[in-house]
Amino acid sequence: FQGGADSNPLAVCAICLGRHRHNITKCAECKTWDGQKAHMHRNGQGRIVNPDGLTLCFEWNRPHGCPSASCDHIHECAGCSKSDHGVQACPFAQKE
């Protein structure tokens, strides 16, 4: 998933929290867009995991959220670990 066209803002990456053009499904940066240590990382299977090693729901952190009522992964913001929003609404994400 690359993120929108010129008229639409790019989605926030769950790893680097940036909105720049890059493949957010493969991002493995160690630092965020503003040079801070990345909060989440990818495991050996390429899944986004929190500092405790628990797998985050990728859909929860996408612009439209997770539609599943029985998701097996954690609904936690990839930027700050809060459960009331995904990374698209995270205060640490790069602004449009």
PDB file of N, CA and C in Angstrom:
ATOM      1  N   PHE A   1       0.853  -1.179   0.000  1.00  0.00           N
ATOM      2  CA  PHE A   1       0.000   0.000   0.000  1.00  0.00           C
ATOM      3  C   PHE A   1       0.887   1.226   0.000  1.00  0.00           C
ATOM      4  N   GLN A   2       0.726   2.076  -0.972  1.00  0.00           N
ATOM      5  CA  GLN A   2       1.598   3.223  -1.140  1.00  0.00           C
ATOM      6  C   GLN A   2       1.029   4.486  -0.521  1.00  0.00           C
ATOM      7  N   GLY A   3      -0.253   4.625  -0.408  1.00  0.00           N
ATOM      8  CA  GLY A   3      -0.820   5.874   0.084  1.00  0.00           C
ATOM      9  C   GLY A   3      -1.259   6.715  -1.079  1.00  0.00           C
ATOM     10  N   GLY A   4      -2.213   7.585  -0.865  1.00  0.00           N
ATOM     11  CA  GLY A   4      -2.991   8.340  -1.826  1.00  0.00           C
ATOM     12  C   GLY A   4      -2.321   9.037  -2.984  1.00  0.00           C
ATOM     13  N   ALA A   5      -3.160   9.627  -3.811  1.00  0.00           N
ATOM     14  CA  ALA A   5      -2.724  10.433  -4.946  1.00  0.00           C
ATOM     15  C   ALA A   5      -2.394  11.837  -4.455  1.00  0.00           C
ATOM     16  N   ASP A   6      -2.005  12.696  -5.381  1.00  0.00           N
ATOM     17  CA  ASP A   6      -1.606  14.049  -5.001  1.00  0.00           C
ATOM     18  C   ASP A   6      -2.698  14.817  -4.272  1.00  0.00           C
ATOM     19  N   SER A   7      -3.969  14.559  -4.604  1.00  0.00           N
ATOM     20  CA  SER A   7      -5.059  15.292  -3.967  1.00  0.00           C
ATOM     21  C   SER A   7      -5.422  14.724  -2.595  1.00  0.00           C
ATOM     22  N   ASN A   8      -4.949  13.531  -2.286  1.00  0.00           N
ATOM     23  CA  ASN A   8      -5.230  12.902  -0.997  1.00  0.00           C
ATOM     24  C   ASN A   8      -3.947  12.828  -0.180  1.00  0.00           C
ATOM     25  N   PRO A   9      -4.035  13.048   1.120  1.00  0.00           N
ATOM     26  CA  PRO A   9      -2.827  12.930   1.944  1.00  0.00           C
ATOM     27  C   PRO A   9      -2.363  11.477   1.989  1.00  0.00           C
ATOM     28  N   LEU A  10      -1.076  11.296   2.115  1.00  0.00           N
ATOM     29  CA  LEU A  10      -0.527   9.949   2.245  1.00  0.00           C
ATOM     30  C   LEU A  10      -0.835   9.412   3.637  1.00  0.00           C
ATOM     31  N   ALA A  11      -1.046   8.108   3.720  1.00  0.00           N
ATOM     32  CA  ALA A  11      -1.311   7.469   5.011  1.00  0.00           C
ATOM     33  C   ALA A  11      -0.056   7.515   5.880  1.00  0.00           C
ATOM     34  N   VAL A  12      -0.261   7.494   7.180  1.00  0.00           N
ATOM     35  CA  VAL A  12       0.848   7.467   8.132  1.00  0.00           C
ATOM     36  C   VAL A  12       1.389   6.041   8.207  1.00  0.00           C
ATOM     37  N   CYS A  13       2.693   5.909   8.180  1.00  0.00           N
ATOM     38  CA  CYS A  13       3.354   4.609   8.308  1.00  0.00           C
ATOM     39  C   CYS A  13       3.358   4.186   9.779  1.00  0.00           C
ATOM     40  N   ALA A  14       3.015   2.940  10.044  1.00  0.00           N
ATOM     41  CA  ALA A  14       2.950   2.433  11.417  1.00  0.00           C
ATOM     42  C   ALA A  14       4.322   2.251  12.059  1.00  0.00           C
ATOM     43  N   ILE A  15       5.388   2.282  11.283  1.00  0.00           N
ATOM     44  CA  ILE A  15       6.730   2.118  11.835  1.00  0.00           C
ATOM     45  C   ILE A  15       7.420   3.468  12.026  1.00  0.00           C
ATOM     46  N   CYS A  16       7.572   4.236  10.948  1.00  0.00           N
ATOM     47  CA  CYS A  16       8.312   5.506  11.045  1.00  0.00           C
ATOM     48  C   CYS A  16       7.402   6.704  11.315  1.00  0.00           C
ATOM     49  N   LEU A  17       6.100   6.497  11.305  1.00  0.00           N
ATOM     50  CA  LEU A  17       5.093   7.530  11.565  1.00  0.00           C
ATOM     51  C   LEU A  17       5.136   8.661  10.546  1.00  0.00           C
ATOM     52  N   GLY A  18       5.801   8.424   9.429  1.00  0.00           N
ATOM     53  CA  GLY A  18       5.927   9.436   8.386  1.00  0.00           C
ATOM     54  C   GLY A  18       4.827   9.354   7.348  1.00  0.00           C
ATOM     55  N   ARG A  19       4.665  10.444   6.605  1.00  0.00           N
ATOM     56  CA  ARG A  19       3.715  10.511   5.498  1.00  0.00           C
ATOM     57  C   ARG A  19       4.423  10.613   4.150  1.00  0.00           C
ATOM     58  N   HIS A  20       5.728  10.419   4.128  1.00  0.00           N
ATOM     59  CA  HIS A  20       6.465  10.508   2.871  1.00  0.00           C
ATOM     60  C   HIS A  20       6.209   9.260   2.021  1.00  0.00           C
ATOM     61  N   ARG A  21       6.472   9.382   0.726  1.00  0.00           N
ATOM     62  CA  ARG A  21       6.245   8.257  -0.193  1.00  0.00           C
ATOM     63  C   ARG A  21       7.248   7.138   0.065  1.00  0.00           C
ATOM     64  N   HIS A  22       6.724   6.021   0.519  1.00  0.00           N
ATOM     65  CA  HIS A  22       7.497   4.792   0.655  1.00  0.00           C
ATOM     66  C   HIS A  22       6.517   3.650   0.880  1.00  0.00           C
ATOM     67  N   ASN A  23       6.987   2.436   0.797  1.00  0.00           N
ATOM     68  CA  ASN A  23       6.121   1.275   0.951  1.00  0.00           C
ATOM     69  C   ASN A  23       5.879   1.025   2.442  1.00  0.00           C
ATOM     70  N   ILE A  24       4.741   1.489   2.931  1.00  0.00           N
ATOM     71  CA  ILE A  24       4.463   1.385   4.364  1.00  0.00           C
ATOM     72  C   ILE A  24       4.201  -0.055   4.817  1.00  0.00           C
ATOM     73  N   THR A  25       3.966  -0.957   3.887  1.00  0.00           N
ATOM     74  CA  THR A  25       3.776  -2.360   4.271  1.00  0.00           C
ATOM     75  C   THR A  25       5.103  -3.076   4.485  1.00  0.00           C
ATOM     76  N   LYS A  26       6.204  -2.448   4.100  1.00  0.00           N
ATOM     77  CA  LYS A  26       7.529  -3.053   4.246  1.00  0.00           C
ATOM     78  C   LYS A  26       8.483  -2.215   5.091  1.00  0.00           C
ATOM     79  N   CYS A  27       8.081  -1.050   5.529  1.00  0.00           N
ATOM     80  CA  CYS A  27       8.972  -0.148   6.262  1.00  0.00           C
ATOM     81  C   CYS A  27       9.567  -0.862   7.480  1.00  0.00           C
ATOM     82  N   ALA A  28      10.881  -0.739   7.623  1.00  0.00           N
ATOM     83  CA  ALA A  28      11.587  -1.359   8.751  1.00  0.00           C
ATOM     84  C   ALA A  28      12.549  -0.359   9.390  1.00  0.00           C
ATOM     85  N   GLU A  29      12.203   0.924   9.322  1.00  0.00           N
ATOM     86  CA  GLU A  29      13.054   1.972   9.886  1.00  0.00           C
ATOM     87  C   GLU A  29      13.216   1.791  11.396  1.00  0.00           C
ATOM     88  N   CYS A  30      14.343   2.205  11.908  1.00  0.00           N
ATOM     89  CA  CYS A  30      14.606   2.174  13.352  1.00  0.00           C
ATOM     90  C   CYS A  30      14.259   3.509  13.996  1.00  0.00           C
ATOM     91  N   LYS A  31      14.090   4.529  13.171  1.00  0.00           N
ATOM     92  CA  LYS A  31      13.788   5.883  13.658  1.00  0.00           C
ATOM     93  C   LYS A  31      12.500   6.381  13.018  1.00  0.00           C
ATOM     94  N   THR A  32      11.831   7.286  13.701  1.00  0.00           N
ATOM     95  CA  THR A  32      10.623   7.896  13.158  1.00  0.00           C
ATOM     96  C   THR A  32      11.002   9.033  12.218  1.00  0.00           C
ATOM     97  N   TRP A  33      10.006   9.579  11.552  1.00  0.00           N
ATOM     98  CA  TRP A  33      10.213  10.656  10.574  1.00  0.00           C
ATOM     99  C   TRP A  33      10.966  11.837  11.171  1.00  0.00           C
ATOM    100  N   ASP A  34      10.855  12.066  12.489  1.00  0.00           N
ATOM    101  CA  ASP A  34      11.506  13.218  13.132  1.00  0.00           C
ATOM    102  C   ASP A  34      12.767  12.823  13.911  1.00  0.00           C
ATOM    103  N   GLY A  35      13.287  11.614  13.651  1.00  0.00           N
ATOM    104  CA  GLY A  35      14.558  11.195  14.239  1.00  0.00           C
ATOM    105  C   GLY A  35      14.486  10.502  15.589  1.00  0.00           C
ATOM    106  N   GLN A  36      13.283  10.279  16.114  1.00  0.00           N
ATOM    107  CA  GLN A  36      13.127   9.589  17.396  1.00  0.00           C
ATOM    108  C   GLN A  36      13.231   8.074  17.186  1.00  0.00           C
ATOM    109  N   LYS A  37      13.487   7.335  18.255  1.00  0.00           N
ATOM    110  CA  LYS A  37      13.519   5.873  18.172  1.00  0.00           C
ATOM    111  C   LYS A  37      12.106   5.378  17.865  1.00  0.00           C
ATOM    112  N   ALA A  38      11.976   4.507  16.870  1.00  0.00           N
ATOM    113  CA  ALA A  38      10.667   3.957  16.512  1.00  0.00           C
ATOM    114  C   ALA A  38      10.120   3.125  17.672  1.00  0.00           C
ATOM    115  N   HIS A  39       8.829   3.279  17.948  1.00  0.00           N
ATOM    116  CA  HIS A  39       8.174   2.581  19.055  1.00  0.00           C
ATOM    117  C   HIS A  39       7.925   1.111  18.709  1.00  0.00           C
ATOM    118  N   MET A  40       7.539   0.841  17.468  1.00  0.00           N
ATOM    119  CA  MET A  40       7.231  -0.513  17.015  1.00  0.00           C
ATOM    120  C   MET A  40       8.302  -0.975  16.033  1.00  0.00           C
ATOM    121  N   HIS A  41       8.308  -2.268  15.769  1.00  0.00           N
ATOM    122  CA  HIS A  41       9.215  -2.812  14.761  1.00  0.00           C
ATOM    123  C   HIS A  41       8.537  -3.998  14.078  1.00  0.00           C
ATOM    124  N   ARG A  42       9.168  -4.517  13.058  1.00  0.00           N
ATOM    125  CA  ARG A  42       8.646  -5.701  12.368  1.00  0.00           C
ATOM    126  C   ARG A  42       9.385  -6.938  12.867  1.00  0.00           C
ATOM    127  N   ASN A  43       8.631  -8.014  13.045  1.00  0.00           N
ATOM    128  CA  ASN A  43       9.258  -9.271  13.462  1.00  0.00           C
ATOM    129  C   ASN A  43       9.754 -10.029  12.228  1.00  0.00           C
ATOM    130  N   GLY A  44      10.237 -11.227  12.407  1.00  0.00           N
ATOM    131  CA  GLY A  44      10.765 -12.029  11.309  1.00  0.00           C
ATOM    132  C   GLY A  44       9.760 -12.344  10.217  1.00  0.00           C
ATOM    133  N   GLN A  45       8.479 -12.317  10.552  1.00  0.00           N
ATOM    134  CA  GLN A  45       7.427 -12.560   9.566  1.00  0.00           C
ATOM    135  C   GLN A  45       6.946 -11.266   8.912  1.00  0.00           C
ATOM    136  N   GLY A  46       7.534 -10.129   9.297  1.00  0.00           N
ATOM    137  CA  GLY A  46       7.138  -8.845   8.722  1.00  0.00           C
ATOM    138  C   GLY A  46       5.944  -8.201   9.399  1.00  0.00           C
ATOM    139  N   ARG A  47       5.493  -8.779  10.503  1.00  0.00           N
ATOM    140  CA  ARG A  47       4.348  -8.212  11.230  1.00  0.00           C
ATOM    141  C   ARG A  47       4.815  -7.108  12.167  1.00  0.00           C
ATOM    142  N   ILE A  48       3.930  -6.149  12.400  1.00  0.00           N
ATOM    143  CA  ILE A  48       4.233  -5.042  13.311  1.00  0.00           C
ATOM    144  C   ILE A  48       4.018  -5.534  14.733  1.00  0.00           C
ATOM    145  N   VAL A  49       5.043  -5.402  15.563  1.00  0.00           N
ATOM    146  CA  VAL A  49       4.949  -5.847  16.950  1.00  0.00           C
ATOM    147  C   VAL A  49       5.314  -4.713  17.902  1.00  0.00           C
ATOM    148  N   ASN A  50       4.710  -4.756  19.081  1.00  0.00           N
ATOM    149  CA  ASN A  50       4.991  -3.743  20.099  1.00  0.00           C
ATOM    150  C   ASN A  50       6.231  -4.150  20.901  1.00  0.00           C
ATOM    151  N   PRO A  51       6.678  -3.314  21.835  1.00  0.00           N
ATOM    152  CA  PRO A  51       7.877  -3.656  22.616  1.00  0.00           C
ATOM    153  C   PRO A  51       7.772  -4.967  23.401  1.00  0.00           C
ATOM    154  N   ASP A  52       6.546  -5.428  23.668  1.00  0.00           N
ATOM    155  CA  ASP A  52       6.351  -6.704  24.366  1.00  0.00           C
ATOM    156  C   ASP A  52       6.330  -7.895  23.412  1.00  0.00           C
ATOM    157  N   GLY A  53       6.473  -7.633  22.104  1.00  0.00           N
ATOM    158  CA  GLY A  53       6.470  -8.696  21.104  1.00  0.00           C
ATOM    159  C   GLY A  53       5.094  -9.124  20.639  1.00  0.00           C
ATOM    160  N   LEU A  54       4.051  -8.397  21.038  1.00  0.00           N
ATOM    161  CA  LEU A  54       2.686  -8.731  20.638  1.00  0.00           C
ATOM    162  C   LEU A  54       2.371  -8.102  19.284  1.00  0.00           C
ATOM    163  N   THR A  55       1.697  -8.854  18.424  1.00  0.00           N
ATOM    164  CA  THR A  55       1.385  -8.403  17.069  1.00  0.00           C
ATOM    165  C   THR A  55       0.237  -7.403  17.065  1.00  0.00           C
ATOM    166  N   LEU A  56       0.477  -6.261  16.423  1.00  0.00           N
ATOM    167  CA  LEU A  56      -0.551  -5.236  16.276  1.00  0.00           C
ATOM    168  C   LEU A  56      -1.390  -5.512  15.037  1.00  0.00           C
ATOM    169  N   CYS A  57      -2.619  -5.076  15.068  1.00  0.00           N
ATOM    170  CA  CYS A  57      -3.500  -5.187  13.915  1.00  0.00           C
ATOM    171  C   CYS A  57      -3.114  -4.097  12.910  1.00  0.00           C
ATOM    172  N   PHE A  58      -2.675  -4.511  11.725  1.00  0.00           N
ATOM    173  CA  PHE A  58      -2.299  -3.558  10.683  1.00  0.00           C
ATOM    174  C   PHE A  58      -3.519  -2.759  10.236  1.00  0.00           C
ATOM    175  N   GLU A  59      -4.665  -3.429  10.113  1.00  0.00           N
ATOM    176  CA  GLU A  59      -5.889  -2.741   9.672  1.00  0.00           C
ATOM    177  C   GLU A  59      -6.297  -1.645  10.658  1.00  0.00           C
ATOM    178  N   TRP A  60      -6.167  -1.888  11.955  1.00  0.00           N
ATOM    179  CA  TRP A  60      -6.511  -0.904  12.981  1.00  0.00           C
ATOM    180  C   TRP A  60      -5.730   0.392  12.772  1.00  0.00           C
ATOM    181  N   ASN A  61      -4.515   0.259  12.284  1.00  0.00           N
ATOM    182  CA  ASN A  61      -3.642   1.410  12.093  1.00  0.00           C
ATOM    183  C   ASN A  61      -3.727   2.014  10.693  1.00  0.00           C
ATOM    184  N   ARG A  62      -4.614   1.518   9.858  1.00  0.00           N
ATOM    185  CA  ARG A  62      -4.842   2.094   8.526  1.00  0.00           C
ATOM    186  C   ARG A  62      -5.930   3.158   8.624  1.00  0.00           C
ATOM    187  N   PRO A  63      -6.092   3.974   7.565  1.00  0.00           N
ATOM    188  CA  PRO A  63      -7.049   5.087   7.624  1.00  0.00           C
ATOM    189  C   PRO A  63      -8.482   4.718   8.000  1.00  0.00           C
ATOM    190  N   HIS A  64      -8.975   3.546   7.586  1.00  0.00           N
ATOM    191  CA  HIS A  64     -10.372   3.201   7.869  1.00  0.00           C
ATOM    192  C   HIS A  64     -10.541   2.252   9.044  1.00  0.00           C
ATOM    193  N   GLY A  65      -9.456   1.861   9.690  1.00  0.00           N
ATOM    194  CA  GLY A  65      -9.542   1.007  10.871  1.00  0.00           C
ATOM    195  C   GLY A  65      -9.877  -0.438  10.551  1.00  0.00           C
ATOM    196  N   CYS A  66     -10.007  -1.242  11.569  1.00  0.00           N
ATOM    197  CA  CYS A  66     -10.284  -2.673  11.427  1.00  0.00           C
ATOM    198  C   CYS A  66     -11.789  -2.931  11.520  1.00  0.00           C
ATOM    199  N   PRO A  67     -12.350  -3.585  10.500  1.00  0.00           N
ATOM    200  CA  PRO A  67     -13.786  -3.870  10.517  1.00  0.00           C
ATOM    201  C   PRO A  67     -14.148  -5.144  11.283  1.00  0.00           C
ATOM    202  N   SER A  68     -13.153  -5.919  11.701  1.00  0.00           N
ATOM    203  CA  SER A  68     -13.413  -7.215  12.321  1.00  0.00           C
ATOM    204  C   SER A  68     -13.833  -7.093  13.785  1.00  0.00           C
ATOM    205  N   ALA A  69     -14.867  -7.825  14.130  1.00  0.00           N
ATOM    206  CA  ALA A  69     -15.315  -7.873  15.521  1.00  0.00           C
ATOM    207  C   ALA A  69     -14.550  -8.946  16.297  1.00  0.00           C
ATOM    208  N   SER A  70     -13.824  -9.794  15.581  1.00  0.00           N
ATOM    209  CA  SER A  70     -13.090 -10.878  16.239  1.00  0.00           C
ATOM    210  C   SER A  70     -11.639 -10.932  15.753  1.00  0.00           C
ATOM    211  N   CYS A  71     -10.989  -9.802  15.739  1.00  0.00           N
ATOM    212  CA  CYS A  71      -9.601  -9.700  15.276  1.00  0.00           C
ATOM    213  C   CYS A  71      -8.661 -10.393  16.266  1.00  0.00           C
ATOM    214  N   ASP A  72      -7.671 -11.116  15.738  1.00  0.00           N
ATOM    215  CA  ASP A  72      -6.716 -11.835  16.583  1.00  0.00           C
ATOM    216  C   ASP A  72      -5.534 -10.982  17.027  1.00  0.00           C
ATOM    217  N   HIS A  73      -5.419  -9.768  16.482  1.00  0.00           N
ATOM    218  CA  HIS A  73      -4.271  -8.919  16.780  1.00  0.00           C
ATOM    219  C   HIS A  73      -4.687  -7.712  17.626  1.00  0.00           C
ATOM    220  N   ILE A  74      -3.719  -7.101  18.260  1.00  0.00           N
ATOM    221  CA  ILE A  74      -3.984  -6.013  19.200  1.00  0.00           C
ATOM    222  C   ILE A  74      -4.393  -4.726  18.491  1.00  0.00           C
ATOM    223  N   HIS A  75      -5.470  -4.126  18.965  1.00  0.00           N
ATOM    224  CA  HIS A  75      -5.913  -2.825  18.474  1.00  0.00           C
ATOM    225  C   HIS A  75      -5.253  -1.762  19.342  1.00  0.00           C
ATOM    226  N   GLU A  76      -4.075  -1.353  18.905  1.00  0.00           N
ATOM    227  CA  GLU A  76      -3.225  -0.424  19.652  1.00  0.00           C
ATOM    228  C   GLU A  76      -2.545   0.497  18.641  1.00  0.00           C
ATOM    229  N   CYS A  77      -2.451   1.771  18.967  1.00  0.00           N
ATOM    230  CA  CYS A  77      -1.778   2.725  18.094  1.00  0.00           C
ATOM    231  C   CYS A  77      -0.301   2.355  17.963  1.00  0.00           C
ATOM    232  N   ALA A  78       0.186   2.296  16.735  1.00  0.00           N
ATOM    233  CA  ALA A  78       1.587   1.953  16.493  1.00  0.00           C
ATOM    234  C   ALA A  78       2.532   3.081  16.893  1.00  0.00           C
ATOM    235  N   GLY A  79       1.995   4.273  17.097  1.00  0.00           N
ATOM    236  CA  GLY A  79       2.843   5.397  17.464  1.00  0.00           C
ATOM    237  C   GLY A  79       2.985   5.626  18.954  1.00  0.00           C
ATOM    238  N   CYS A  80       1.917   5.341  19.718  1.00  0.00           N
ATOM    239  CA  CYS A  80       1.951   5.661  21.152  1.00  0.00           C
ATOM    240  C   CYS A  80       1.362   4.566  22.048  1.00  0.00           C
ATOM    241  N   SER A  81       0.887   3.489  21.471  1.00  0.00           N
ATOM    242  CA  SER A  81       0.328   2.330  22.187  1.00  0.00           C
ATOM    243  C   SER A  81      -1.052   2.552  22.787  1.00  0.00           C
ATOM    244  N   LYS A  82      -1.679   3.691  22.558  1.00  0.00           N
ATOM    245  CA  LYS A  82      -3.029   3.900  23.095  1.00  0.00           C
ATOM    246  C   LYS A  82      -4.037   3.095  22.281  1.00  0.00           C
ATOM    247  N   SER A  83      -5.126   2.695  22.926  1.00  0.00           N
ATOM    248  CA  SER A  83      -6.121   1.864  22.254  1.00  0.00           C
ATOM    249  C   SER A  83      -7.341   2.642  21.777  1.00  0.00           C
ATOM    250  N   ASP A  84      -7.354   3.957  21.969  1.00  0.00           N
ATOM    251  CA  ASP A  84      -8.516   4.739  21.540  1.00  0.00           C
ATOM    252  C   ASP A  84      -8.369   5.320  20.138  1.00  0.00           C
ATOM    253  N   HIS A  85      -7.238   5.049  19.475  1.00  0.00           N
ATOM    254  CA  HIS A  85      -7.039   5.502  18.098  1.00  0.00           C
ATOM    255  C   HIS A  85      -5.931   4.670  17.453  1.00  0.00           C
ATOM    256  N   GLY A  86      -5.905   4.700  16.127  1.00  0.00           N
ATOM    257  CA  GLY A  86      -4.822   4.069  15.382  1.00  0.00           C
ATOM    258  C   GLY A  86      -3.774   5.112  15.039  1.00  0.00           C
ATOM    259  N   VAL A  87      -2.727   4.696  14.347  1.00  0.00           N
ATOM    260  CA  VAL A  87      -1.606   5.589  14.046  1.00  0.00           C
ATOM    261  C   VAL A  87      -2.010   6.774  13.167  1.00  0.00           C
ATOM    262  N   GLN A  88      -3.087   6.640  12.392  1.00  0.00           N
ATOM    263  CA  GLN A  88      -3.514   7.748  11.528  1.00  0.00           C
ATOM    264  C   GLN A  88      -3.917   8.976  12.346  1.00  0.00           C
ATOM    265  N   ALA A  89      -4.360   8.765  13.587  1.00  0.00           N
ATOM    266  CA  ALA A  89      -4.773   9.865  14.463  1.00  0.00           C
ATOM    267  C   ALA A  89      -3.774  10.115  15.591  1.00  0.00           C
ATOM    268  N   CYS A  90      -2.599   9.522  15.512  1.00  0.00           N
ATOM    269  CA  CYS A  90      -1.611   9.650  16.587  1.00  0.00           C
ATOM    270  C   CYS A  90      -0.997  11.051  16.613  1.00  0.00           C
ATOM    271  N   PRO A  91      -0.878  11.640  17.794  1.00  0.00           N
ATOM    272  CA  PRO A  91      -0.274  12.973  17.887  1.00  0.00           C
ATOM    273  C   PRO A  91       1.215  12.985  17.524  1.00  0.00           C
ATOM    274  N   PHE A  92       1.869  11.831  17.495  1.00  0.00           N
ATOM    275  CA  PHE A  92       3.290  11.765  17.150  1.00  0.00           C
ATOM    276  C   PHE A  92       3.533  11.568  15.657  1.00  0.00           C
ATOM    277  N   ALA A  93       2.467  11.291  14.903  1.00  0.00           N
ATOM    278  CA  ALA A  93       2.599  11.082  13.460  1.00  0.00           C
ATOM    279  C   ALA A  93       2.886  12.404  12.752  1.00  0.00           C
ATOM    280  N   GLN A  94       3.570  12.299  11.615  1.00  0.00           N
ATOM    281  CA  GLN A  94       3.853  13.481  10.801  1.00  0.00           C
ATOM    282  C   GLN A  94       2.539  14.086  10.332  1.00  0.00           C
ATOM    283  N   LYS A  95       2.417  15.384  10.462  1.00  0.00           N
ATOM    284  CA  LYS A  95       1.190  16.075  10.055  1.00  0.00           C
ATOM    285  C   LYS A  95       1.153  16.212   8.539  1.00  0.00           C
ATOM    286  N   GLU A  96      -0.059  16.372   8.013  1.00  0.00           N
ATOM    287  CA  GLU A  96      -0.237  16.526   6.561  1.00  0.00           C
ATOM    288  C   GLU A  96       0.412  17.788   6.062  1.00  0.00           C
TER     289      GLU A  96
END
